C-alpha atoms as a PDB file:
ATOM      1  CA  PHE A   1      82.994 104.612  96.796  1.00  0.00           C
ATOM      2  CA  SER A   2      79.891 103.704  94.407  1.00  0.00           C
ATOM      3  CA  PHE A   3      79.946 107.895  93.501  1.00  0.00           C
ATOM      4  CA  LEU A   4      83.561 107.984  92.499  1.00  0.00           C
ATOM      5  CA  SER A   5      83.703 104.947  90.911  1.00  0.00           C
ATOM      6  CA  HIS A   6      80.869 105.403  88.627  1.00  0.00           C
ATOM      7  CA  ILE A   7      83.024 108.641  87.446  1.00  0.00           C
ATOM      8  CA  ILE A   8      86.256 106.605  87.048  1.00  0.00           C
ATOM      9  CA  ASP A   9      84.231 103.936  85.035  1.00  0.00           C
ATOM     10  CA  LEU A  10      82.663 106.924  82.764  1.00  0.00           C
ATOM     11  CA  ARG A  11      86.272 108.627  82.120  1.00  0.00           C
ATOM     12  CA  LEU A  12      88.360 105.469  82.004  1.00  0.00           C
ATOM     13  CA  SER A  13      85.735 104.229  79.315  1.00  0.00           C
ATOM     14  CA  ALA A  14      85.878 107.667  77.200  1.00  0.00           C
ATOM     15  CA  GLU A  15      89.279 107.681  77.044  1.00  0.00           C
ATOM     16  CA  ASN A  16      89.578 104.089  76.266  1.00  0.00           C
ATOM     17  CA  LYS A  17      92.137 103.323  79.451  1.00  0.00           C
ATOM     18  CA  LYS A  18      92.416 100.120  81.276  1.00  0.00           C
ATOM     19  CA  PHE A  19      94.927 100.670  83.679  1.00  0.00           C
ATOM     20  CA  LEU A  20      94.636 103.474  86.494  1.00  0.00           C
ATOM     21  CA  PHE A  21      97.377 104.509  89.008  1.00  0.00           C
ATOM     22  CA  ILE A  22      96.543 105.410  92.383  1.00  0.00           C
ATOM     23  CA  SER A  23      98.968 107.533  93.580  1.00  0.00           C
ATOM     24  CA  SER A  24      99.493 110.319  96.077  1.00  0.00           C
ATOM     25  CA  VAL A  25     101.823 113.633  96.709  1.00  0.00           C
ATOM     26  CA  CYS A  26     102.937 112.283 100.053  1.00  0.00           C
ATOM     27  CA  PRO A  27     102.855 109.051 101.543  1.00  0.00           C
ATOM     28  CA  ASP A  28     100.217 107.852 103.927  1.00  0.00           C
ATOM     29  CA  GLU A  29      97.335 109.753 102.235  1.00  0.00           C
ATOM     30  CA  GLY A  30      95.218 106.870 101.721  1.00  0.00           C
ATOM     31  CA  ARG A  31      96.284 105.058  98.591  1.00  0.00           C
ATOM     32  CA  SER A  32      95.833 101.606  99.384  1.00  0.00           C
ATOM     33  CA  SER A  33      92.038 102.047 101.121  1.00  0.00           C
ATOM     34  CA  VAL A  34      91.206 104.209  98.113  1.00  0.00           C
ATOM     35  CA  THR A  35      92.417 101.427  95.319  1.00  0.00           C
ATOM     36  CA  ALA A  36      90.339  98.854  97.519  1.00  0.00           C
ATOM     37  CA  GLY A  37      87.148 101.014  97.659  1.00  0.00           C
ATOM     38  CA  VAL A  38      87.364 101.874  93.979  1.00  0.00           C
ATOM     39  CA  GLY A  39      88.026  98.360  93.001  1.00  0.00           C
ATOM     40  CA  ASP A  40      84.975  97.182  94.891  1.00  0.00           C
ATOM     41  CA  GLY A  41      82.744  99.997  93.348  1.00  0.00           C
ATOM     42  CA  LEU A  42      83.835  99.250  89.847  1.00  0.00           C
ATOM     43  CA  ASN A  43      83.379  95.282  90.390  1.00  0.00           C
ATOM     44  CA  ALA A  44      79.860  96.529  91.718  1.00  0.00           C
ATOM     45  CA  LEU A  45      79.312  97.857  88.238  1.00  0.00           C
ATOM     46  CA  GLU A  46      79.839  94.734  86.993  1.00  0.00           C
ATOM     47  CA  LYS A  47      83.667  95.149  85.859  1.00  0.00           C
ATOM     48  CA  LYS A  48      86.474  92.559  86.529  1.00  0.00           C
ATOM     49  CA  VAL A  49      88.820  94.293  88.126  1.00  0.00           C
ATOM     50  CA  LEU A  50      92.111  93.484  89.298  1.00  0.00           C
ATOM     51  CA  LEU A  51      94.339  95.132  91.669  1.00  0.00           C
ATOM     52  CA  VAL A  52      97.832  95.406  91.770  1.00  0.00           C
ATOM     53  CA  ASP A  53     100.147  96.206  94.805  1.00  0.00           C
ATOM     54  CA  LEU A  54     103.129  98.281  93.383  1.00  0.00           C
ATOM     55  CA  ASP A  55     103.827 100.349  96.290  1.00  0.00           C
ATOM     56  CA  VAL A  56     107.417  99.525  96.988  1.00  0.00           C
ATOM     57  CA  GLU A  57     107.352 101.459 100.159  1.00  0.00           C
ATOM     58  CA  GLN A  58     104.616 100.382 101.748  1.00  0.00           C
ATOM     59  CA  PRO A  59     102.864  97.232 100.321  1.00  0.00           C
ATOM     60  CA  GLU A  60      99.341  96.878 102.059  1.00  0.00           C
ATOM     61  CA  LEU A  61      96.925  95.606  99.765  1.00  0.00           C
ATOM     62  CA  GLY A  62      97.035  92.117 100.818  1.00  0.00           C
ATOM     63  CA  ALA A  63      96.505  92.899 104.412  1.00  0.00           C
ATOM     64  CA  LEU A  64      93.416  95.038 104.104  1.00  0.00           C
ATOM     65  CA  PHE A  65      92.020  92.051 102.751  1.00  0.00           C
ATOM     66  CA  GLY A  66      92.886  90.067 105.782  1.00  0.00           C
ATOM     67  CA  TYR A  67      95.448  87.817 103.880  1.00  0.00           C
ATOM     68  CA  ARG A  68      99.142  87.416 105.043  1.00  0.00           C
ATOM     69  CA  THR A  69     101.191  87.726 102.106  1.00  0.00           C
ATOM     70  CA  ASP A  70     104.289  85.545 102.053  1.00  0.00           C
ATOM     71  CA  TYR A  71     106.814  85.664  99.179  1.00  0.00           C
ATOM     72  CA  ASP A  72     105.717  82.524  97.331  1.00  0.00           C
ATOM     73  CA  HIS A  73     102.136  83.919  96.685  1.00  0.00           C
ATOM     74  CA  SER A  74     103.536  87.727  95.836  1.00  0.00           C
ATOM     75  CA  LEU A  75     104.315  89.585  93.120  1.00  0.00           C
ATOM     76  CA  ASN A  76     107.429  89.502  93.857  1.00  0.00           C
ATOM     77  CA  ALA A  77     107.303  85.942  93.301  1.00  0.00           C
ATOM     78  CA  LEU A  78     105.642  86.099  90.059  1.00  0.00           C
ATOM     79  CA  TYR A  79     107.718  89.027  88.593  1.00  0.00           C
ATOM     80  CA  ARG A  80     110.960  86.824  89.294  1.00  0.00           C
ATOM     81  CA  GLY A  81     109.805  83.316  87.722  1.00  0.00           C
ATOM     82  CA  ASP A  82     109.581  81.916  91.033  1.00  0.00           C
ATOM     83  CA  ALA A  83     105.695  81.568  91.111  1.00  0.00           C
ATOM     84  CA  ILE A  84     102.941  81.398  88.893  1.00  0.00           C
ATOM     85  CA  GLU A  85      99.681  83.744  88.185  1.00  0.00           C
ATOM     86  CA  GLU A  86      97.240  80.776  90.165  1.00  0.00           C
ATOM     87  CA  ASP A  87      99.260  80.974  93.167  1.00  0.00           C
ATOM     88  CA  VAL A  88      99.610  85.120  93.635  1.00  0.00           C
ATOM     89  CA  ILE A  89      96.569  85.877  92.480  1.00  0.00           C
ATOM     90  CA  MET A  90      93.905  86.504  95.427  1.00  0.00           C
ATOM     91  CA  HIS A  91      90.088  85.911  94.353  1.00  0.00           C
ATOM     92  CA  VAL A  92      88.441  88.373  96.684  1.00  0.00           C
ATOM     93  CA  ARG A  93      84.969  87.291  95.016  1.00  0.00           C
ATOM     94  CA  PRO A  94      84.127  86.412  91.453  1.00  0.00           C
ATOM     95  CA  GLY A  95      85.566  89.364  89.038  1.00  0.00           C
ATOM     96  CA  PHE A  96      87.491  90.538  91.919  1.00  0.00           C
ATOM     97  CA  ASP A  97      91.065  89.835  92.415  1.00  0.00           C
ATOM     98  CA  VAL A  98      94.062  91.526  94.024  1.00  0.00           C
ATOM     99  CA  LEU A  99      97.744  90.820  93.406  1.00  0.00           C
ATOM    100  CA  PRO A 100      99.725  91.652  96.625  1.00  0.00           C
ATOM    101  CA  ALA A 101     103.500  92.516  96.941  1.00  0.00           C
ATOM    102  CA  ILE A 102     106.042  92.362 100.023  1.00  0.00           C
ATOM    103  CA  LEU A 103     108.746  94.502 101.243  1.00  0.00           C
ATOM    104  CA  ASP A 104     111.868  92.715 100.730  1.00  0.00           C
ATOM    105  CA  GLU A 105     115.400  93.540 100.183  1.00  0.00           C
ATOM    106  CA  GLN A 106     115.200  93.562  96.661  1.00  0.00           C
ATOM    107  CA  ARG A 107     112.665  96.104  95.307  1.00  0.00           C
ATOM    108  CA  LEU A 108     110.423  95.566  92.619  1.00  0.00           C
ATOM    109  CA  PRO A 109     111.333  97.168  89.464  1.00  0.00           C
ATOM    110  CA  THR A 110     109.166  98.939  87.173  1.00  0.00           C
ATOM    111  CA  ASP A 111     111.251  98.298  84.246  1.00  0.00           C
ATOM    112  CA  GLY A 112     110.196  96.735  80.987  1.00  0.00           C
ATOM    113  CA  SER A 113     109.766  93.095  82.266  1.00  0.00           C
ATOM    114  CA  MET A 114     107.142  94.271  84.887  1.00  0.00           C
ATOM    115  CA  ILE A 115     105.354  96.332  81.982  1.00  0.00           C
ATOM    116  CA  SER A 116     105.173  93.196  79.824  1.00  0.00           C
ATOM    117  CA  LEU A 117     104.171  91.244  82.852  1.00  0.00           C
ATOM    118  CA  LEU A 118     101.268  93.718  83.762  1.00  0.00           C
ATOM    119  CA  LYS A 119      99.946  93.837  80.205  1.00  0.00           C
ATOM    120  CA  LYS A 120      99.833  90.017  79.649  1.00  0.00           C
ATOM    121  CA  ILE A 121      97.832  89.756  83.153  1.00  0.00           C
ATOM    122  CA  ALA A 122      95.266  92.362  82.264  1.00  0.00           C
ATOM    123  CA  VAL A 123      94.079  90.818  79.122  1.00  0.00           C
ATOM    124  CA  SER A 124      91.785  88.662  81.439  1.00  0.00           C
ATOM    125  CA  TYR A 125      90.450  92.100  83.189  1.00  0.00           C
ATOM    126  CA  ASP A 126      88.048  95.089  82.401  1.00  0.00           C
ATOM    127  CA  TYR A 127      90.081  97.602  84.838  1.00  0.00           C
ATOM    128  CA  VAL A 128      93.646  97.146  86.214  1.00  0.00           C
ATOM    129  CA  LEU A 129      94.115  99.420  89.384  1.00  0.00           C
ATOM    130  CA  ILE A 130      97.831  99.828  90.558  1.00  0.00           C
ATOM    131  CA  ASP A 131      98.600 100.916  94.126  1.00  0.00           C
ATOM    132  CA  SER A 132     101.575 103.189  93.217  1.00  0.00           C
ATOM    133  CA  PRO A 133     104.075 104.994  95.594  1.00  0.00           C
ATOM    134  CA  ALA A 134     103.901 108.726  96.399  1.00  0.00           C
ATOM    135  CA  THR A 135     104.334 111.133  93.742  1.00  0.00           C
ATOM    136  CA  ARG A 136     107.498 112.123  95.595  1.00  0.00           C
ATOM    137  CA  GLN A 137     108.913 109.326  93.669  1.00  0.00           C
ATOM    138  CA  ALA A 138     107.660 110.016  90.860  1.00  0.00           C
ATOM    139  CA  GLY A 139     109.976 108.501  88.667  1.00  0.00           C
ATOM    140  CA  LYS A 140     108.439 105.182  89.960  1.00  0.00           C
ATOM    141  CA  ILE A 141     105.599 105.937  88.313  1.00  0.00           C
ATOM    142  CA  MET A 142     106.570 107.379  84.922  1.00  0.00           C
ATOM    143  CA  ASP A 143     108.750 104.417  84.258  1.00  0.00           C
ATOM    144  CA  MET A 144     105.268 102.553  83.872  1.00  0.00           C
ATOM    145  CA  ASN A 145     104.031 105.353  81.511  1.00  0.00           C
ATOM    146  CA  GLN A 146     104.358 102.505  78.696  1.00  0.00           C
ATOM    147  CA  LEU A 147     101.241 100.971  80.146  1.00  0.00           C
ATOM    148  CA  GLY A 148      99.191 103.829  78.737  1.00  0.00           C
ATOM    149  CA  GLY A 149      97.582 104.316  81.889  1.00  0.00           C
ATOM    150  CA  THR A 150      96.186 107.330  84.056  1.00  0.00           C
ATOM    151  CA  ILE A 151      96.365 108.468  87.323  1.00  0.00           C
ATOM    152  CA  LEU A 152      93.701 109.181  90.373  1.00  0.00           C
ATOM    153  CA  TRP A 153      95.868 111.597  92.488  1.00  0.00           C
ATOM    154  CA  LEU A 154      95.100 111.779  96.095  1.00  0.00           C
ATOM    155  CA  ILE A 155      95.668 115.015  97.971  1.00  0.00           C
ATOM    156  CA  ARG A 156      95.059 115.135 101.869  1.00  0.00           C
ATOM    157  CA  TYR A 157      94.028 118.826 102.304  1.00  0.00           C
ATOM    158  CA  ASP A 158      95.995 119.274 105.514  1.00  0.00           C
ATOM    159  CA  THR A 159      99.401 117.920 104.776  1.00  0.00           C
ATOM    160  CA  ALA A 160     100.238 118.199 101.306  1.00  0.00           C
ATOM    161  CA  PRO A 161     102.396 121.152 100.295  1.00  0.00           C
ATOM    162  CA  VAL A 162     101.450 123.241  98.079  1.00  0.00           C
ATOM    163  CA  ASN A 163     104.689 123.495  96.109  1.00  0.00           C
ATOM    164  CA  GLU A 164     105.154 119.466  96.337  1.00  0.00           C
ATOM    165  CA  ILE A 165     101.894 119.998  94.297  1.00  0.00           C
ATOM    166  CA  ARG A 166     102.911 122.327  91.737  1.00  0.00           C
ATOM    167  CA  LYS A 167     106.193 120.436  91.298  1.00  0.00           C
ATOM    168  CA  THR A 168     104.746 117.027  91.110  1.00  0.00           C
ATOM    169  CA  LEU A 169     102.169 118.765  88.135  1.00  0.00           C
ATOM    170  CA  GLU A 170     105.043 119.939  86.250  1.00  0.00           C
ATOM    171  CA  HIS A 171     106.710 116.889  86.324  1.00  0.00           C
ATOM    172  CA  MET A 172     103.913 114.978  85.282  1.00  0.00           C
ATOM    173  CA  LYS A 173     103.256 117.156  82.253  1.00  0.00           C
ATOM    174  CA  LYS A 174     106.732 116.617  81.071  1.00  0.00           C
ATOM    175  CA  SER A 175     106.359 112.926  81.146  1.00  0.00           C
ATOM    176  CA  GLY A 176     103.127 112.705  78.985  1.00  0.00           C
ATOM    177  CA  MET A 177     101.365 110.802  81.983  1.00  0.00           C
ATOM    178  CA  SER A 178      98.093 112.547  82.164  1.00  0.00           C
ATOM    179  CA  ILE A 179      96.050 112.752  85.454  1.00  0.00           C
ATOM    180  CA  LEU A 180      92.136 111.434  85.442  1.00  0.00           C
ATOM    181  CA  GLY A 181      91.072 113.555  88.291  1.00  0.00           C
ATOM    182  CA  CYS A 182      92.012 114.213  92.307  1.00  0.00           C
ATOM    183  CA  VAL A 183      90.628 113.185  95.313  1.00  0.00           C
ATOM    184  CA  VAL A 184      90.610 115.772  98.475  1.00  0.00           C
ATOM    185  CA  ASN A 185      90.915 112.959 101.209  1.00  0.00           C
ATOM    186  CA  ALA A 186      91.783 112.995 105.141  1.00  0.00           C
ATOM    187  CA  VAL A 187      92.960 109.394 105.817  1.00  0.00           C
ATOM    188  CA  PRO A 188      94.628 108.907 109.301  1.00  0.00           C
ATOM    189  CA  GLY A 189      97.969 107.288 108.893  1.00  0.00           C
ATOM    190  CA  GLU A 190      96.833 103.813 110.685  1.00  0.00           C
ATOM    191  CA  MET A 191      95.815 101.003 108.530  1.00  0.00           C
ATOM    192  CA  ILE A 192      91.858 100.145 108.132  1.00  0.00           C
ATOM    193  CA  ARG A 193      90.860  96.751 107.392  1.00  0.00           C
ATOM    194  CA  PHE A 194      88.569  96.380 104.289  1.00  0.00           C
ATOM    195  CA  LYS A 195      85.646  94.166 103.971  1.00  0.00           C
ATOM    196  CA  PRO A 196      84.007  93.993 100.396  1.00  0.00           C
ATOM    197  CA  SER A 197      80.207  93.348 100.169  1.00  0.00           C
ATOM    198  CA  GLY A 198      78.040  93.510  97.555  1.00  0.00           C
ATOM    199  CA  GLU A 199      76.400  96.967  99.008  1.00  0.00           C
ATOM    200  CA  GLY A 200      80.237  98.440  99.053  1.00  0.00           C
ATOM    201  CA  PRO A 201      82.246 100.596 101.561  1.00  0.00           C
ATOM    202  CA  ALA A 202      79.869 103.409 100.916  1.00  0.00           C
ATOM    203  CA  ASN A 203      77.363 102.454 103.274  1.00  0.00           C
ATOM    204  CA  ARG A 204      79.428 102.266 106.634  1.00  0.00           C
ATOM    205  CA  SER A 205      78.611 104.369 109.250  1.00  0.00           C
ATOM    206  CA  ASN A 206      78.605 107.688 109.471  1.00  0.00           C
ATOM    207  CA  ALA A 207      81.266 108.271 111.621  1.00  0.00           C
ATOM    208  CA  HIS A 208      83.367 106.176 109.069  1.00  0.00           C
ATOM    209  CA  ARG A 209      82.399 108.143 106.207  1.00  0.00           C
ATOM    210  CA  LYS A 210      83.159 111.144 108.076  1.00  0.00           C
ATOM    211  CA  ARG A 211      86.669 109.975 109.288  1.00  0.00           C
ATOM    212  CA  TYR A 212      87.808 108.733 105.829  1.00  0.00           C
ATOM    213  CA  GLY A 213      85.709 110.011 103.583  1.00  0.00           C
ATOM    214  CA  THR A 214      83.201 108.936 101.146  1.00  0.00           C
ATOM    215  CA  GLY A 215      84.872 109.495  97.691  1.00  0.00           C
ATOM    216  CA  ARG A 216      82.707 112.337  96.678  1.00  0.00           C
ATOM    217  CA  GLU A 217      85.228 114.469  97.282  1.00  0.00           C
ATOM    218  CA  VAL A 218      86.606 114.151  93.917  1.00  0.00           C
ATOM    219  CA  MET A 219      87.535 114.478  90.326  1.00  0.00           C
ATOM    220  CA  GLU A 220      87.880 118.608  89.302  1.00  0.00           C
END
C-alpha cells in the first residue's frame, strides 16, 4: 500500500482535505483492509492518522488489528456520551490510532452530532480515514458531506455491476461529494488480519499480493 498511500497523500494535500471516506460499490469489497493498509502507509510517511469505523453494517476495524471491541471501548459509546476519547481510541503505534465500532441494535447515525464529534477528534490528526458503508447505502456517506471530505472508491472488477457503478456516480455527482480516485480490487470475502509494521503491508509475500492486491491498481 505504500505506492497508493503516497498518491493519496499528494492528492489530499493538494485539495487541502483531511477526511477520506473508504467506500465501495458493493459489500465485501475490502474496505476495512484498504482503510488499514492506507492508514499504515500514510503513517509511514510521518503523518498522524486516525482510522474510524463507520461501517454500520460490518464494523471490522478493531478485529483487523486484533482487538476485541466491546461497547465501552467503541465509537458507539463515545457518540452516546457513555465513554471518553481516551477510553475508545486504540493506539496502534505513535501517530497511528483506530476508533472502532460495534454492531448493535441502535445503529450509529450520520447526523450533525456525529459530524461535530469527528471534527473535534480530527484536530489532533493530519488525516482521518473513515471505513464507510458500501455506496449502495449512498445516503449514509452523503450525510457526512459537511465534513468536506472526499471518497476513495473500491470496485471489485468481477462482482460490481456496471449499472450500479453508473447509478452511484450520478448520485454522488448530484450530492457534490467528490471522488479522490478508484481502486480496482479483488479481495475475497473472508476477513484477513492486518499487522502493521515499519515496512508496511506492501512487503508481504507474492501470494498475498496476488490474492489481495498491492494498491497499485489505482487512481484513475
